[in-house]
Protein backbone atom coordinates (compact mmCIF):
# COMPACT_ATOMS: atom_id res chain seq x y z
CA MET A 1 17.68 26.55 -21.09
CA THR A 2 18.71 23.40 -19.20
CA SER A 3 17.72 23.32 -15.52
CA PHE A 4 20.26 21.80 -13.11
CA ILE A 5 19.74 20.52 -9.58
CA ASP A 6 22.26 19.40 -6.96
CA PRO A 7 22.38 16.02 -5.14
CA LYS A 8 20.83 17.45 -1.96
CA THR A 9 17.77 18.65 -3.87
CA LEU A 10 17.42 15.37 -5.73
CA LYS A 11 17.64 13.38 -2.50
CA SER A 12 14.82 15.41 -1.00
CA TRP A 13 12.72 15.04 -4.16
CA LEU A 14 13.11 11.26 -4.11
CA HIS A 15 11.53 11.03 -0.68
CA ASP A 16 9.02 13.89 -0.61
CA GLY A 17 6.08 11.70 -1.69
CA GLY A 18 5.63 13.33 -5.09
CA GLU A 19 5.98 11.67 -8.45
CA ILE A 20 9.41 11.70 -10.03
CA ALA A 21 11.05 10.04 -13.03
CA LEU A 22 14.77 9.58 -12.33
CA LEU A 23 16.29 8.62 -15.66
CA ASP A 24 19.80 7.26 -16.19
CA VAL A 25 20.47 8.12 -19.82
CA ARG A 26 23.80 6.33 -20.16
CA GLU A 27 24.01 3.07 -22.05
CA HIS A 28 23.19 -0.22 -20.34
CA GLY A 29 26.74 -1.26 -19.49
CA GLN A 30 27.54 2.12 -17.96
CA TYR A 31 24.29 2.14 -16.01
CA GLY A 32 24.91 -1.35 -14.64
CA GLU A 33 28.35 -0.49 -13.28
CA ALA A 34 27.21 2.28 -10.92
CA HIS A 35 23.86 4.05 -10.70
CA LEU A 36 21.42 5.62 -8.27
CA PHE A 37 19.12 3.23 -6.41
CA TYR A 38 15.95 4.59 -8.04
CA GLY A 39 17.52 5.26 -11.42
CA ILE A 40 15.45 4.05 -14.39
CA PRO A 41 17.55 2.86 -17.34
CA LEU A 42 16.65 4.93 -20.40
CA PRO A 43 19.70 4.80 -22.71
CA PHE A 44 20.19 7.88 -24.85
CA SER A 45 20.34 5.58 -27.86
CA ARG A 46 16.67 4.64 -27.25
CA LEU A 47 15.36 7.83 -25.62
CA GLU A 48 12.60 8.75 -28.09
CA LEU A 49 11.54 5.10 -28.46
CA ASP A 50 11.08 4.35 -24.76
CA ALA A 51 10.38 7.65 -22.98
CA PRO A 52 6.65 7.83 -23.91
CA ARG A 53 6.10 4.33 -22.53
CA LEU A 54 8.12 4.72 -19.34
CA VAL A 55 7.08 8.31 -18.62
CA PRO A 56 3.65 8.88 -20.20
CA ARG A 57 2.77 12.15 -18.41
CA ARG A 58 4.73 14.95 -20.02
CA SER A 59 4.38 17.33 -17.06
CA VAL A 60 5.83 14.92 -14.48
CA ARG A 61 8.95 15.95 -12.59
CA VAL A 62 11.95 14.44 -14.42
CA VAL A 63 15.62 14.28 -13.48
CA VAL A 64 18.16 12.90 -15.94
CA TYR A 65 21.76 12.07 -15.13
CA ASP A 66 24.98 10.62 -16.54
CA ASP A 67 28.40 10.13 -14.95
CA GLY A 68 29.11 13.85 -14.90
CA ASP A 69 32.05 13.68 -17.27
CA TYR A 70 30.17 14.04 -20.56
CA ASP A 71 27.16 15.95 -21.87
CA VAL A 72 24.79 13.02 -22.47
CA ALA A 73 22.39 14.13 -19.72
CA GLU A 74 22.16 17.66 -21.11
CA ARG A 75 21.56 16.34 -24.61
CA ALA A 76 18.88 14.01 -23.27
CA ALA A 77 17.18 16.83 -21.38
CA ARG A 78 17.01 18.87 -24.56
CA ARG A 79 15.56 15.92 -26.46
CA LEU A 80 12.94 15.38 -23.72
CA ALA A 81 11.99 19.05 -23.89
CA ALA A 82 11.55 18.70 -27.65
CA LEU A 83 9.22 15.75 -26.98
CA GLY A 84 7.05 17.94 -24.74
CA TYR A 85 8.40 17.14 -21.26
CA THR A 86 8.10 20.37 -19.34
CA GLY A 87 9.77 19.44 -16.04
CA ALA A 88 13.13 18.00 -17.08
CA HIS A 89 16.18 18.71 -14.91
CA VAL A 90 19.79 17.51 -15.00
CA LEU A 91 21.66 16.25 -11.94
CA GLN A 92 24.68 18.55 -11.82
CA GLY A 93 27.82 16.42 -11.79
CA GLY A 94 25.91 13.16 -12.30
CA THR A 95 26.91 10.01 -10.45
CA ARG A 96 30.27 11.53 -9.54
CA ALA A 97 28.60 14.35 -7.61
CA TRP A 98 26.06 11.99 -6.06
CA LYS A 99 28.84 9.83 -4.64
CA ALA A 100 30.81 12.87 -3.48
CA ALA A 101 27.72 13.99 -1.55
CA GLY A 102 27.90 10.77 0.46
CA HIS A 103 25.22 8.75 -1.30
CA ALA A 104 25.68 5.17 -2.47
CA LEU A 105 25.94 4.04 -6.05
CA PHE A 106 24.71 0.56 -6.93
CA ALA A 107 25.94 -1.93 -9.50
CA GLY A 108 23.63 -4.30 -11.36
CA VAL A 109 20.10 -4.03 -12.67
CA ASN A 110 16.54 -4.08 -11.27
CA LEU A 111 17.88 -2.80 -7.95
CA PRO A 112 14.69 -2.07 -5.99
CA SER A 113 13.22 -5.46 -6.93
CA LYS A 114 16.32 -7.47 -6.10
CA THR A 115 16.92 -5.60 -2.86
CA PHE A 116 13.30 -6.19 -1.92
CA GLY A 117 13.75 -9.93 -2.44
CA GLU A 118 16.64 -9.99 0.00
CA LEU A 119 14.65 -7.97 2.54
CA ALA A 120 11.67 -10.28 2.08
CA GLU A 121 13.82 -13.28 2.98
CA GLU A 122 14.97 -11.48 6.13
CA VAL A 123 11.41 -10.67 7.16
CA TYR A 124 9.58 -13.85 6.15
CA HIS A 125 12.42 -16.32 6.82
CA THR A 126 11.57 -18.06 3.56
CA PRO A 127 12.43 -21.78 3.78
CA ARG A 128 15.21 -22.87 1.46
CA VAL A 129 17.12 -25.91 0.26
CA SER A 130 20.67 -25.98 -0.99
CA ALA A 131 21.75 -27.26 -4.38
CA ASP A 132 23.26 -30.36 -2.74
CA GLN A 133 20.06 -31.06 -0.81
CA LEU A 134 17.92 -30.82 -3.96
CA ALA A 135 20.40 -32.92 -5.95
CA GLU A 136 20.15 -35.64 -3.31
CA MET A 137 16.35 -35.51 -3.40
CA LEU A 138 16.36 -35.90 -7.17
CA ALA A 139 18.97 -38.67 -7.07
CA ARG A 140 16.83 -40.60 -4.58
CA LYS A 141 13.83 -39.98 -6.85
CA GLU A 142 11.95 -38.42 -3.98
CA LYS A 143 8.60 -36.81 -4.62
CA VAL A 144 9.48 -33.17 -5.36
CA ALA A 145 8.30 -30.59 -7.92
CA VAL A 146 10.86 -28.05 -9.17
CA LEU A 147 9.27 -24.93 -10.65
CA ASP A 148 11.43 -22.33 -12.38
CA GLY A 149 10.06 -18.83 -11.74
CA ARG A 150 11.80 -17.14 -14.70
CA PRO A 151 10.36 -16.29 -18.14
CA VAL A 152 10.41 -18.96 -20.82
CA SER A 153 13.36 -17.35 -22.66
CA GLU A 154 15.57 -17.51 -19.57
CA PHE A 155 14.50 -21.08 -18.78
CA HIS A 156 15.51 -22.10 -22.30
CA LYS A 157 19.09 -21.00 -21.67
CA MET A 158 19.61 -23.26 -18.65
CA ASN A 159 17.49 -25.07 -16.08
CA ILE A 160 17.63 -27.47 -13.15
CA PRO A 161 16.97 -31.08 -14.26
CA THR A 162 13.26 -32.03 -13.96
CA ALA A 163 12.23 -28.36 -13.58
CA THR A 164 9.11 -26.94 -15.23
CA CYS A 165 9.03 -23.31 -16.28
CA CYS A 166 6.31 -21.36 -14.49
CA PRO A 167 7.09 -17.63 -14.17
CA ASN A 168 6.41 -16.24 -10.71
CA GLY A 169 3.47 -14.18 -11.92
CA GLU A 170 1.75 -17.40 -13.03
CA LEU A 171 2.41 -19.51 -9.93
CA ALA A 172 -0.76 -18.68 -8.03
CA TYR A 173 -2.88 -19.37 -11.12
CA ARG A 174 -1.23 -22.62 -12.23
CA VAL A 175 0.37 -24.35 -9.26
CA ARG A 176 -2.65 -26.53 -8.40
CA ARG A 177 -2.63 -28.04 -11.89
CA LEU A 178 1.15 -28.38 -11.98
CA VAL A 179 1.32 -29.91 -8.49
CA PRO A 180 -2.10 -31.40 -7.70
CA ASP A 181 -0.84 -33.46 -4.75
CA THR A 182 -0.90 -31.21 -1.69
CA THR A 183 1.83 -33.23 0.04
CA THR A 184 4.45 -32.91 -2.71
CA PRO A 185 7.29 -30.57 -1.73
CA ILE A 186 7.74 -27.66 -4.14
CA VAL A 187 11.09 -26.00 -4.84
CA ILE A 188 11.12 -22.65 -6.66
CA ASN A 189 14.30 -21.60 -8.44
CA CYS A 190 15.61 -18.75 -10.56
CA ALA A 191 19.08 -17.94 -11.87
CA GLY A 192 20.19 -16.37 -8.60
CA ARG A 193 18.31 -15.64 -5.42
CA THR A 194 15.48 -13.14 -5.41
CA ARG A 195 12.95 -14.72 -7.76
CA SER A 196 13.42 -18.01 -5.92
CA ILE A 197 12.61 -16.24 -2.66
CA ILE A 198 9.63 -14.28 -3.98
CA GLY A 199 8.19 -17.27 -5.83
CA ALA A 200 8.40 -19.56 -2.82
CA GLN A 201 7.06 -16.91 -0.45
CA THR A 202 4.16 -16.22 -2.83
CA LEU A 203 2.90 -19.77 -2.41
CA ILE A 204 3.50 -19.65 1.34
CA ASN A 205 1.63 -16.35 1.67
CA LEU A 206 -1.28 -17.89 -0.23
CA GLY A 207 -1.45 -20.66 2.36
CA LEU A 208 -0.53 -23.54 0.05
CA PRO A 209 -0.47 -26.73 2.14
CA ASN A 210 2.56 -28.16 0.32
CA PRO A 211 6.02 -27.78 1.83
CA VAL A 212 7.54 -24.93 -0.21
CA TYR A 213 11.21 -23.96 -0.50
CA ALA A 214 13.42 -21.54 -2.40
CA LEU A 215 16.47 -23.07 -4.07
CA GLU A 216 19.38 -21.26 -2.49
CA ASN A 217 21.33 -19.35 -5.18
CA GLY A 218 19.29 -20.85 -8.03
CA THR A 219 20.94 -22.23 -11.15
CA GLN A 220 24.18 -20.49 -10.22
CA GLY A 221 24.34 -22.30 -6.90
CA TRP A 222 23.61 -25.54 -8.75
CA TYR A 223 26.47 -24.89 -11.17
CA LEU A 224 28.88 -23.73 -8.45
CA ASN A 225 28.30 -27.01 -6.62
CA ASP A 226 29.26 -28.90 -9.79
CA HIS A 227 25.80 -30.20 -10.65
CA ALA A 228 24.94 -30.36 -14.34
CA LEU A 229 22.40 -27.93 -15.77
CA GLU A 230 20.18 -28.71 -18.75
CA HIS A 231 20.15 -26.37 -21.75
CA GLY A 232 17.53 -25.67 -24.38
CA GLY A 233 14.67 -26.78 -22.12
CA THR A 234 11.10 -26.37 -23.34
CA ARG A 235 9.18 -27.90 -20.44
CA ARG A 236 6.67 -25.28 -19.32
CA TYR A 237 3.19 -24.84 -17.90
CA ALA A 238 0.40 -25.89 -20.24
CA ALA A 239 -1.81 -23.20 -21.73
CA ASP A 240 -4.85 -24.77 -20.04
CA SER A 241 -3.19 -25.11 -16.62
CA GLY A 242 -4.94 -22.08 -15.14
CA ASN A 243 -7.00 -22.76 -12.05
CA THR A 244 -9.01 -20.41 -9.85
CA ASP A 245 -8.96 -22.55 -6.69
CA LEU A 246 -6.68 -19.99 -5.04
CA ARG A 247 -8.92 -17.00 -5.88
CA PRO A 248 -10.27 -16.70 -2.30
CA ALA A 249 -6.72 -16.91 -0.95
CA ALA A 250 -5.52 -14.25 -3.41
CA LYS A 251 -8.39 -11.96 -2.44
CA ALA A 252 -7.67 -12.41 1.25
CA LEU A 253 -3.97 -11.77 0.66
CA ALA A 254 -4.70 -8.53 -1.17
CA GLU A 255 -7.00 -7.41 1.64
CA ARG A 256 -4.36 -8.26 4.24
CA PHE A 257 -1.87 -5.94 2.55
CA GLY A 258 -4.29 -3.12 1.82
CA VAL A 259 -4.59 -3.57 -1.94
CA PRO A 260 -7.63 -1.55 -3.11
CA THR A 261 -10.04 -2.88 -5.72
CA VAL A 262 -11.03 -0.02 -8.02
CA SER A 263 -13.86 0.29 -10.52
CA ALA A 264 -13.51 1.10 -14.19
CA GLN A 265 -15.16 4.45 -13.48
CA THR A 266 -12.51 5.30 -10.89
CA VAL A 267 -9.71 4.39 -13.27
CA ARG A 268 -11.25 6.57 -15.98
CA GLN A 269 -11.27 9.45 -13.50
CA TRP A 270 -7.65 8.78 -12.65
CA ALA A 271 -6.76 8.79 -16.33
CA GLY A 272 -8.16 12.31 -16.54
CA ASP A 273 -6.10 13.56 -13.59
CA ALA A 274 -3.39 15.72 -15.15
CA SER A 275 -1.44 15.78 -11.88
CA ARG A 276 -0.83 12.03 -11.61
CA SER A 277 0.70 9.29 -13.76
CA LEU A 278 -1.29 6.12 -14.44
CA PHE A 279 -0.14 2.73 -15.69
CA LEU A 280 -2.78 0.15 -16.65
CA CYS A 281 -1.02 -3.20 -16.38
CA ASP A 282 -2.13 -6.46 -17.99
CA VAL A 283 -0.27 -9.06 -15.92
CA ARG A 284 -1.24 -12.12 -17.98
CA THR A 285 0.94 -14.09 -20.38
CA PRO A 286 2.19 -12.72 -23.72
CA GLU A 287 -0.16 -15.07 -25.57
CA GLU A 288 -3.19 -13.89 -23.60
CA PHE A 289 -2.26 -10.24 -24.06
CA ALA A 290 -1.84 -10.74 -27.81
CA ALA A 291 -5.26 -12.39 -28.01
CA GLY A 292 -6.98 -9.32 -26.57
CA THR A 293 -6.57 -6.75 -23.82
CA LEU A 294 -8.07 -3.47 -22.60
CA THR A 295 -7.49 -0.36 -24.69
CA GLY A 296 -4.79 1.74 -23.07
CA ALA A 297 -3.14 -1.19 -21.25
CA GLN A 298 0.48 -2.23 -21.50
CA HIS A 299 1.70 -5.79 -21.15
CA THR A 300 3.49 -6.18 -17.83
CA PRO A 301 3.84 -9.93 -17.16
CA GLY A 302 3.36 -10.32 -13.44
CA GLY A 303 6.64 -11.97 -12.55
CA GLN A 304 8.62 -9.35 -14.45
CA LEU A 305 6.58 -6.49 -13.02
CA MET A 306 7.69 -7.63 -9.57
CA GLN A 307 11.26 -8.43 -10.59
CA ALA A 308 12.03 -5.84 -13.27
CA GLY A 309 9.46 -3.10 -12.78
CA ASP A 310 11.87 -0.42 -13.99
CA GLN A 311 11.50 -1.84 -17.50
CA TYR A 312 7.76 -1.03 -17.49
CA VAL A 313 7.19 1.86 -15.07
CA GLY A 314 9.49 4.87 -15.11
CA VAL A 315 7.69 7.09 -12.59
CA ARG A 316 8.25 6.64 -8.88
CA GLY A 317 4.97 7.26 -7.06
CA ALA A 318 2.70 6.58 -10.04
CA ARG A 319 -0.66 4.82 -9.81
CA LEU A 320 -0.48 1.20 -10.98
CA VAL A 321 -3.74 -0.58 -11.85
CA LEU A 322 -3.35 -4.32 -12.41
CA PHE A 323 -5.81 -6.66 -14.08
CA ASP A 324 -6.23 -10.27 -15.21
CA ASN A 325 -9.17 -12.43 -16.23
CA ASP A 326 -9.09 -14.86 -13.32
CA GLY A 327 -9.04 -12.92 -10.06
CA VAL A 328 -5.88 -14.73 -8.94
CA ARG A 329 -2.83 -13.22 -10.61
CA ALA A 330 -3.47 -9.47 -10.26
CA PRO A 331 -4.21 -9.45 -6.50
CA THR A 332 -1.31 -11.79 -5.78
CA ILE A 333 1.13 -9.59 -7.67
CA ALA A 334 -0.34 -6.40 -6.21
CA HIS A 335 0.23 -7.62 -2.65
CA TRP A 336 3.96 -7.68 -3.41
CA LEU A 337 3.94 -4.32 -5.19
CA ARG A 338 2.29 -2.67 -2.16
CA GLN A 339 5.08 -4.05 0.03
CA MET A 340 7.62 -2.67 -2.42
CA GLY A 341 6.13 0.78 -1.86
CA HIS A 342 4.06 1.11 -5.03
CA GLU A 343 0.53 2.55 -5.15
CA ALA A 344 -0.89 -0.62 -6.71
CA SER A 345 -4.59 -1.41 -7.14
CA VAL A 346 -6.60 -4.19 -8.79
CA LEU A 347 -9.21 -3.44 -11.45
CA GLU A 348 -12.65 -4.74 -10.49
CA GLY A 349 -13.85 -7.16 -13.17
CA GLY A 350 -10.44 -7.29 -14.82
CA LEU A 351 -10.57 -8.01 -18.52
CA ALA A 352 -14.38 -8.03 -18.39
CA SER A 353 -14.60 -4.60 -16.73
CA GLY A 354 -15.36 -2.73 -19.93
CA LEU A 355 -12.62 -0.21 -19.17
CA SER A 356 -11.26 1.64 -22.18
CA LEU A 357 -8.64 4.37 -21.90
CA ALA A 358 -6.89 6.43 -24.52
CA PRO A 359 -4.26 4.30 -26.23
CA ALA A 360 -0.74 4.74 -24.94
CA ALA A 361 1.19 7.39 -26.82
CA ALA A 362 3.25 5.93 -29.64
CA PRO A 363 6.88 6.95 -29.97
CA PRO A 364 7.21 10.03 -32.16
CA GLU A 365 8.33 9.66 -35.74
CA PRO A 366 11.82 10.94 -36.47
CA ALA A 367 12.07 13.71 -39.01
CA PRO A 368 13.29 13.38 -41.59
CA ALA A 369 13.02 9.62 -42.10
CA LEU A 370 16.10 7.96 -43.54
CA SER A 371 16.26 6.95 -47.17
CA THR A 372 17.13 3.30 -47.65
CA ILE A 373 19.53 1.27 -49.73
CA ASP A 374 19.11 -2.43 -50.48
CA ALA A 375 21.72 -5.08 -49.76
CA GLN A 376 22.93 -5.56 -53.33
CA ALA A 377 23.26 -1.84 -53.95
CA LEU A 378 25.14 -1.42 -50.67
CA SER A 379 27.49 -4.29 -51.59
CA ALA A 380 28.28 -2.55 -54.88
CA ARG A 381 28.94 0.80 -53.25
CA LEU A 382 31.13 -0.77 -50.58
CA ALA A 383 33.17 -2.30 -53.38
CA GLN A 384 33.53 1.17 -54.91
CA GLY A 385 34.62 2.54 -51.52
CA ASP A 386 32.38 5.62 -51.61
CA VAL A 387 30.32 4.87 -48.46
CA ALA A 388 31.16 4.32 -44.79
CA LEU A 389 29.10 1.62 -43.08
CA ILE A 390 28.15 2.15 -39.43
CA ASP A 391 26.59 -0.69 -37.42
CA LEU A 392 24.35 0.59 -34.58
CA ARG A 393 23.21 -2.83 -33.37
CA PRO A 394 24.20 -4.07 -29.88
CA SER A 395 27.93 -4.59 -29.54
CA MET A 396 27.61 -8.32 -28.82
CA GLN A 397 25.58 -8.82 -31.98
CA PHE A 398 28.28 -6.99 -33.93
CA ARG A 399 30.92 -9.33 -32.52
CA VAL A 400 28.94 -12.39 -33.56
CA GLY A 401 28.39 -11.27 -37.14
CA HIS A 402 28.54 -8.07 -39.18
CA ILE A 403 29.13 -6.83 -42.71
CA PRO A 404 32.91 -7.03 -43.28
CA GLU A 405 33.42 -3.31 -43.95
CA ALA A 406 31.28 -2.12 -41.02
CA ARG A 407 32.39 -0.11 -38.01
CA TRP A 408 30.52 -0.32 -34.73
CA SER A 409 29.22 2.81 -33.07
CA ILE A 410 26.45 3.91 -30.75
CA ARG A 411 24.40 7.09 -30.65
CA PRO A 412 26.16 8.95 -27.77
CA ARG A 413 29.47 8.56 -29.63
CA LEU A 414 28.26 8.66 -33.21
CA ALA A 415 28.98 12.30 -34.02
CA ASN A 416 32.49 12.08 -32.58
CA ASP A 417 33.20 8.77 -34.31
CA MET A 418 32.17 10.25 -37.67
CA LYS A 419 33.73 13.70 -37.38
CA ASN A 420 36.51 12.94 -39.86
CA GLU A 421 34.46 10.79 -42.23
CA THR A 422 33.85 12.41 -45.63
CA ARG A 423 32.04 9.56 -47.38
CA GLN A 424 28.28 9.11 -47.31
CA LEU A 425 27.20 7.15 -44.23
CA VAL A 426 25.05 4.03 -44.30
CA LEU A 427 23.55 2.89 -40.99
CA VAL A 428 22.68 -0.67 -39.98
CA ALA A 429 20.19 -1.22 -37.15
CA ASP A 430 17.56 -3.71 -36.05
CA ASP A 431 15.09 -0.89 -35.51
CA ASP A 432 14.51 1.63 -38.29
CA ALA A 433 13.46 4.32 -35.83
CA LEU A 434 16.58 3.86 -33.69
CA ALA A 435 18.79 4.56 -36.69
CA ALA A 436 16.65 7.48 -37.83
CA TRP A 437 16.74 9.14 -34.41
CA ALA A 438 20.48 8.65 -34.17
CA ALA A 439 20.91 10.30 -37.55
CA ALA A 440 18.48 13.13 -36.82
CA SER A 441 20.07 14.08 -33.50
CA GLU A 442 23.74 13.33 -34.17
CA LEU A 443 24.35 13.64 -37.92
CA ALA A 444 22.29 16.66 -38.90
CA GLY A 445 24.01 19.02 -41.29
CA LEU A 446 26.01 16.47 -43.23
CA SER A 447 26.43 17.40 -46.89
CA ARG A 448 25.12 13.96 -47.91
CA ALA A 449 22.21 12.61 -45.87
CA PRO A 450 22.84 9.20 -44.29
CA LEU A 451 21.20 6.12 -45.75
CA GLN A 452 19.91 3.03 -43.98
CA LEU A 453 20.31 -0.59 -45.00
CA ALA A 454 16.77 -1.72 -45.78
CA GLY A 455 15.91 -4.80 -43.75
CA GLY A 456 19.10 -4.63 -41.72
CA MET A 457 21.32 -7.65 -41.25
CA ALA A 458 18.46 -10.03 -42.03
CA ALA A 459 18.27 -8.60 -45.55
CA TRP A 460 22.05 -8.76 -45.96
CA ARG A 461 22.15 -12.41 -44.91
CA GLY A 462 19.07 -13.17 -47.00
CA ALA A 463 20.91 -11.91 -50.08
CA GLY A 464 23.65 -14.46 -49.43
CA LEU A 465 26.28 -11.78 -48.81
CA PRO A 466 29.29 -12.41 -46.55
CA VAL A 467 29.29 -11.84 -42.79
CA GLU A 468 32.31 -11.81 -40.53
CA ALA A 469 32.73 -12.27 -36.77
CA THR A 470 35.15 -10.30 -34.58
CA PRO A 471 34.97 -11.78 -31.06
CA ALA A 472 37.29 -9.12 -29.64
CA LEU A 473 35.90 -6.10 -31.49
CA PRO A 474 34.62 -3.75 -30.36
CA ALA A 475 36.95 -3.95 -27.37
CA ASP A 476 35.35 -4.59 -24.00
CA ALA A 477 36.01 -1.00 -22.90
CA ASP A 478 34.02 0.30 -25.87
CA CYS A 479 30.99 -1.93 -25.23
CA ILE A 480 29.16 0.62 -23.12
CA ASP A 481 25.85 -1.08 -23.94
CA TYR A 482 26.80 -4.44 -22.34
CA LEU A 483 27.08 -5.31 -18.65
CA PHE A 484 29.70 -8.04 -18.50
CA PHE A 485 29.41 -9.08 -14.87
CA VAL A 486 25.71 -9.89 -15.20
CA HIS A 487 26.18 -12.03 -18.31
CA ASP A 488 29.50 -13.78 -17.62
CA ARG A 489 28.00 -15.66 -14.66
CA HIS A 490 25.99 -17.81 -17.10
CA ASP A 491 28.86 -18.50 -19.48
CA GLY A 492 31.04 -20.89 -17.50
CA ASN A 493 32.69 -18.26 -15.31
CA LYS A 494 32.41 -19.48 -11.72
CA GLU A 495 34.14 -16.46 -10.27
CA ALA A 496 31.62 -14.18 -12.00
CA ALA A 497 28.80 -16.27 -10.51
CA ARG A 498 30.30 -15.95 -7.03
CA ARG A 499 30.68 -12.19 -7.44
CA TYR A 500 27.09 -11.89 -8.61
CA LEU A 501 25.71 -13.80 -5.62
CA ALA A 502 27.84 -11.73 -3.27
CA TRP A 503 26.47 -8.62 -4.95
CA GLU A 504 22.87 -9.76 -4.38
CA THR A 505 23.38 -10.63 -0.72
CA GLY A 506 25.19 -7.32 -0.16
CA LEU A 507 22.45 -5.06 -1.51
CA VAL A 508 20.56 -4.51 1.74
CA ALA A 509 23.68 -3.27 3.55
CA GLN A 510 24.07 -0.48 0.97
CA LEU A 511 20.65 1.04 1.63
CA ASP A 512 20.32 4.24 3.62
CA ALA A 513 17.50 4.68 6.12
CA GLN A 514 15.19 6.48 3.68
CA GLU A 515 15.63 3.87 0.94
CA ARG A 516 14.97 1.05 3.37
CA SER A 517 11.91 2.70 4.94
CA ALA A 518 10.31 3.13 1.51
CA PHE A 519 9.61 -0.60 1.49
CA ARG A 520 6.51 -1.66 3.42
CA LEU A 521 7.27 -5.18 4.52
CA PRO A 522 5.59 -6.47 7.69
CA ALA A 523 7.66 -6.40 10.85
CA ALA A 524 8.04 -10.17 11.12
CA SER A 525 6.44 -13.28 9.70
CA GLY A 526 7.12 -16.64 8.12
CA SER A 527 8.72 -19.85 9.25
CA PRO A 528 12.31 -20.89 9.93
CA HIS A 529 14.70 -22.06 7.25
CA ALA A 530 14.62 -25.68 6.24
C-alpha cells in the first residue's frame, strides 16, 4: 500500500537532520519549470536505471512527488518498492499542495548549487569584471588569462576568445602550470554566474597571489553586450598540467573549514553502517577515472560535484568521501561542500589508500527483456503496415531526425498513447534497458509483445535507410523532457539569456529561513568588487 505524507510533515523531515531522498519523478522539462528546493531529478522514464546510483541504501527515507494532477508519483513509489526500497512515501498533492501550504517552488536546475554560488558572492564579495571591461583588456592585448570553469563539452559549444577550458574542480591542481606568472590577472568564466564566482573564489581562498576575478554573467553577459563568442573550441588544460604546489594551501583550506581526513579503515566501517548512506567520490578527470579508480567509487568530477551535485548524490545528509591522487583537488572541493551543508570528508592517501568497497549496485535487469528486430526487417514490416513504431529517445533528438513512420512518446504517457493501437509495437531508444523498462511497466499484457529496434537509430542510419526531421514535432507542450528556458539562452535568444540571469540573481530571495540556514558560509570575508 502506498504511504502518503502531507507538506507539513515533509518540511519537518527536510530539516530534522536525518537522511532523506526527495525525488521528483516527473520528466526533466516538468521538473525544471517548478520543483522543491531539495528535489532530486529522477525522471520516471529512467527510474530503474538511476535510482540505485542516486539512492544506494534501500532503507533510506524516500519521498517522491509529481505535480499532484497525475499518478506518476504513485507509480514510481510502487516501482521503488519493487526494487527493494522500504521507506518510500508520496507527497500528497505534489507540487500543487506544497505551494498551497505556503512553500516556494523553484524553476531551473541544480538549485542548491546555484543558490550557494549567489550566496558565496554576497559573503566573500568575489571580485568581478564586466564583459566590456574584459573585452577592452583583450583588445589592448593586456596580460590576462581567461580560464573557463565548465566541462570540456560545454566549452566546445561556445567560449570567450582566448579562453582555456579548465573545469573548476581542476583549477587548484592546474592553475600554476596554466598561469605560471604570479602577476598575471586571471578571469574565470562560465555560461552564467555561479561557476564564475565559485571558480574565482576558489583561487582566492587558496591564497593565489594573482589578481583573480569572476566574469560577470559569463558567456551570456559577453553575448548580451554584443561581443562575439567562439564556437567549437578545443583549447583546454594539458594532461600533464597537474601541479602540487598548492597542496599545503589546499590542506590548510580544508582544515579552516573543518573538513575531516578519514582513513580507509574508517570508510570501510562507514560502508558497513546500515543506518547511513555513503558515497565514495573520485573527483579526478574522466580520463584518470577510466585509467583506474578505487573499487566502489563513482566518478564525480569535482567541478560538477560542486555545481550539479544532484546528478551524483540523491540523499540529503549522506556521507561523502572524496579522493584524488594529488592531495589538492579533493580537499579544495570538500571545503566548498562543507559550506554547502554536506558531510564531506577527504580519504587519507586517496587513490593509494588501498580502500576497496563493494561495487556499486548495478541497475536491475528488466524482465522480460525485449526481443529485437533489425533495421531491414523493420523497414519491410513498416512497408507492410503491420507494426507501430514508437520513438522513446529525447524529444529534441526526435525533432532532428527519426524514422519517417515513427511516433514520439515517453514512458509516463506510453500506455495512454498506445491504448487504441492494435498493431505490434516496435520501440526505438538509445538505451536498451530504458526501452525494456518502459515496456515492462507500461505495456504488460499486450497480445503481441513489443519488439525493439536492434542498435537503435545508429543501426537504422548505418543501413542507409531514410530519416526525416520534424522541427515542430512533437509540439513544445508535449516535450515534457526538455527545459526550454535553460537551453534557449544559448541559441541566439537574448531575452531568454536575460531571463536566465534574472532567475539566477533572484534565487536567494526565494529561500526561507531554514533553507538559507542549511548553508554554512562564514559570516563575512573576501575583498571588494573590482
